[in-house]
């Protein structure tokens, strides 16, 4: 996958809170502490994100985008 963002951090999903439309996913990272991302629940389900998953965080401007291989 190619993208324009240059800042990348490997992190672990520490919690997920979902409703019908949006989800708040929190990530645990040793270097940066804790970060969060808000995404649609549909995107969360399509990615198959679960607590404990290892992901890469792509940071661009104010957005934190989780990427799961």
N, C-alpha and C. Protein backbone atom coordinates (compact mmCIF):
# COMPACT_ATOMS: atom_id res chain seq x y z
N UNK A 1 0.84 -1.17 0.00
CA UNK A 1 0.00 0.00 0.00
C UNK A 1 0.89 1.24 0.00
N UNK A 2 0.57 2.21 -0.84
CA UNK A 2 1.32 3.46 -0.89
C UNK A 2 0.46 4.59 -0.34
N UNK A 3 1.09 5.54 0.34
CA UNK A 3 0.38 6.69 0.90
C UNK A 3 1.37 7.82 1.06
N UNK A 4 0.86 9.05 1.21
CA UNK A 4 1.71 10.23 1.26
C UNK A 4 2.29 10.53 2.62
N UNK A 5 1.75 9.95 3.68
CA UNK A 5 2.23 10.23 5.03
C UNK A 5 3.61 9.63 5.24
N UNK A 6 4.45 10.32 6.01
CA UNK A 6 5.81 9.86 6.25
C UNK A 6 6.03 9.35 7.68
N UNK A 7 5.19 9.75 8.62
CA UNK A 7 5.37 9.37 10.02
C UNK A 7 4.66 8.05 10.29
N UNK A 8 5.44 7.03 10.71
CA UNK A 8 4.89 5.70 10.93
C UNK A 8 5.35 5.19 12.29
N UNK A 9 4.42 4.60 13.03
CA UNK A 9 4.70 4.05 14.36
C UNK A 9 4.04 2.68 14.45
N UNK A 10 4.77 1.68 14.93
CA UNK A 10 4.18 0.37 15.19
C UNK A 10 3.58 0.40 16.58
N UNK A 11 2.33 -0.09 16.70
CA UNK A 11 1.62 -0.02 17.97
C UNK A 11 0.71 -1.24 18.13
N UNK A 12 0.13 -1.38 19.33
CA UNK A 12 -0.79 -2.47 19.62
C UNK A 12 -2.14 -1.86 19.99
N UNK A 13 -3.23 -2.44 19.48
CA UNK A 13 -4.57 -1.98 19.82
C UNK A 13 -4.81 -2.28 21.29
N UNK A 14 -5.13 -1.24 22.09
CA UNK A 14 -5.34 -1.46 23.53
C UNK A 14 -6.81 -1.44 23.92
N UNK A 15 -7.65 -0.74 23.16
CA UNK A 15 -9.09 -0.78 23.44
C UNK A 15 -9.87 -0.30 22.23
N UNK A 16 -11.14 -0.74 22.15
CA UNK A 16 -12.05 -0.35 21.08
C UNK A 16 -13.40 -0.04 21.70
N UNK A 17 -13.96 1.13 21.37
CA UNK A 17 -15.32 1.48 21.78
C UNK A 17 -16.09 1.79 20.50
N UNK A 18 -17.20 1.08 20.26
CA UNK A 18 -17.95 1.23 19.01
C UNK A 18 -19.41 1.52 19.27
N UNK A 19 -20.01 2.28 18.33
CA UNK A 19 -21.46 2.34 18.26
C UNK A 19 -21.81 1.99 16.82
N UNK A 20 -22.99 2.32 16.36
CA UNK A 20 -23.40 1.90 15.02
C UNK A 20 -22.66 2.61 13.91
N UNK A 21 -22.15 3.82 14.16
CA UNK A 21 -21.55 4.60 13.09
C UNK A 21 -20.05 4.80 13.27
N UNK A 22 -19.60 5.15 14.48
CA UNK A 22 -18.19 5.48 14.70
C UNK A 22 -17.57 4.59 15.76
N UNK A 23 -16.24 4.45 15.68
CA UNK A 23 -15.48 3.68 16.66
C UNK A 23 -14.27 4.47 17.11
N UNK A 24 -13.93 4.36 18.40
CA UNK A 24 -12.72 4.96 18.96
C UNK A 24 -11.77 3.82 19.27
N UNK A 25 -10.60 3.84 18.62
CA UNK A 25 -9.61 2.80 18.81
C UNK A 25 -8.40 3.43 19.49
N UNK A 26 -7.96 2.86 20.62
CA UNK A 26 -6.78 3.36 21.32
C UNK A 26 -5.63 2.40 21.09
N UNK A 27 -4.43 2.98 20.96
CA UNK A 27 -3.23 2.21 20.65
C UNK A 27 -2.18 2.42 21.72
N UNK A 28 -1.42 1.38 22.00
CA UNK A 28 -0.34 1.42 22.98
C UNK A 28 0.98 1.40 22.23
N UNK A 29 1.88 2.32 22.60
CA UNK A 29 3.18 2.39 21.96
C UNK A 29 4.22 2.80 22.99
N UNK A 30 5.37 2.12 22.99
CA UNK A 30 6.41 2.40 23.98
C UNK A 30 6.99 3.80 23.81
N UNK A 31 7.29 4.21 22.59
CA UNK A 31 7.95 5.50 22.35
C UNK A 31 7.00 6.69 22.49
N UNK A 32 5.81 6.59 21.95
CA UNK A 32 4.91 7.75 21.89
C UNK A 32 3.85 7.76 22.99
N UNK A 33 3.80 6.74 23.84
CA UNK A 33 2.74 6.67 24.82
C UNK A 33 1.46 6.16 24.17
N UNK A 34 0.32 6.72 24.55
CA UNK A 34 -0.95 6.26 23.98
C UNK A 34 -1.45 7.24 22.92
N UNK A 35 -2.01 6.71 21.84
CA UNK A 35 -2.61 7.52 20.78
C UNK A 35 -3.99 6.94 20.51
N UNK A 36 -4.85 7.74 19.88
CA UNK A 36 -6.21 7.29 19.55
C UNK A 36 -6.54 7.65 18.12
N UNK A 37 -7.50 6.92 17.55
CA UNK A 37 -7.98 7.19 16.20
C UNK A 37 -9.49 7.01 16.20
N UNK A 38 -10.21 7.90 15.53
CA UNK A 38 -11.65 7.76 15.36
C UNK A 38 -11.89 7.40 13.90
N UNK A 39 -12.60 6.29 13.67
CA UNK A 39 -12.90 5.85 12.33
C UNK A 39 -14.30 5.28 12.31
N UNK A 40 -14.84 5.09 11.13
CA UNK A 40 -16.19 4.53 11.07
C UNK A 40 -16.16 3.09 11.57
N UNK A 41 -17.26 2.67 12.16
CA UNK A 41 -17.38 1.29 12.63
C UNK A 41 -17.29 0.34 11.44
N UNK A 42 -17.80 0.74 10.29
CA UNK A 42 -17.70 -0.08 9.08
C UNK A 42 -16.24 -0.32 8.71
N UNK A 43 -15.40 0.71 8.79
CA UNK A 43 -13.97 0.56 8.49
C UNK A 43 -13.30 -0.34 9.52
N UNK A 44 -13.65 -0.16 10.80
CA UNK A 44 -13.10 -0.99 11.86
C UNK A 44 -13.39 -2.47 11.59
N UNK A 45 -14.63 -2.76 11.25
CA UNK A 45 -15.04 -4.14 10.99
C UNK A 45 -14.37 -4.68 9.73
N UNK A 46 -14.24 -3.85 8.69
CA UNK A 46 -13.60 -4.29 7.44
C UNK A 46 -12.13 -4.63 7.66
N UNK A 47 -11.46 -3.89 8.57
CA UNK A 47 -10.06 -4.17 8.87
C UNK A 47 -9.91 -5.37 9.79
N UNK A 48 -10.97 -5.72 10.50
CA UNK A 48 -10.89 -6.82 11.44
C UNK A 48 -10.04 -6.51 12.66
N UNK A 49 -10.00 -5.23 13.07
CA UNK A 49 -9.18 -4.83 14.22
C UNK A 49 -9.74 -5.40 15.51
N UNK A 50 -8.85 -5.97 16.31
CA UNK A 50 -9.20 -6.52 17.62
C UNK A 50 -8.19 -6.02 18.65
N UNK A 51 -8.62 -5.94 19.90
CA UNK A 51 -7.71 -5.57 20.98
C UNK A 51 -6.56 -6.56 21.00
N UNK A 52 -5.35 -6.06 21.07
CA UNK A 52 -4.15 -6.89 21.06
C UNK A 52 -3.49 -7.00 19.70
N UNK A 53 -4.18 -6.58 18.62
CA UNK A 53 -3.59 -6.63 17.28
C UNK A 53 -2.41 -5.68 17.18
N UNK A 54 -1.39 -6.09 16.43
CA UNK A 54 -0.24 -5.24 16.13
C UNK A 54 -0.57 -4.49 14.85
N UNK A 55 -0.44 -3.18 14.85
CA UNK A 55 -0.74 -2.36 13.68
C UNK A 55 0.36 -1.33 13.47
N UNK A 56 0.33 -0.71 12.33
CA UNK A 56 1.21 0.42 12.05
C UNK A 56 0.32 1.65 12.03
N UNK A 57 0.73 2.72 12.70
CA UNK A 57 -0.03 3.96 12.71
C UNK A 57 0.62 4.93 11.73
N UNK A 58 -0.18 5.48 10.85
CA UNK A 58 0.28 6.47 9.89
C UNK A 58 -0.25 7.82 10.38
N UNK A 59 0.64 8.75 10.66
CA UNK A 59 0.24 10.05 11.19
C UNK A 59 0.44 11.10 10.11
N UNK A 60 -0.63 11.79 9.76
CA UNK A 60 -0.56 12.87 8.77
C UNK A 60 -1.47 13.98 9.27
N UNK A 61 -0.90 15.16 9.49
CA UNK A 61 -1.64 16.31 10.02
C UNK A 61 -2.31 15.90 11.32
N UNK A 62 -3.63 15.99 11.41
CA UNK A 62 -4.33 15.64 12.66
C UNK A 62 -4.87 14.22 12.63
N UNK A 63 -4.59 13.47 11.59
CA UNK A 63 -5.17 12.13 11.43
C UNK A 63 -4.19 11.04 11.86
N UNK A 64 -4.71 10.04 12.56
CA UNK A 64 -3.96 8.83 12.90
C UNK A 64 -4.66 7.68 12.18
N UNK A 65 -4.01 7.09 11.20
CA UNK A 65 -4.62 6.05 10.36
C UNK A 65 -4.01 4.69 10.69
N UNK A 66 -4.79 3.74 11.25
CA UNK A 66 -4.25 2.41 11.50
C UNK A 66 -4.15 1.61 10.20
N UNK A 67 -3.06 0.86 10.04
CA UNK A 67 -2.86 0.00 8.88
C UNK A 67 -2.56 -1.40 9.40
N UNK A 68 -3.35 -2.38 8.98
CA UNK A 68 -3.15 -3.76 9.40
C UNK A 68 -2.88 -4.60 8.17
N UNK A 69 -1.75 -5.32 8.15
CA UNK A 69 -1.40 -6.16 6.99
C UNK A 69 -2.24 -7.40 6.94
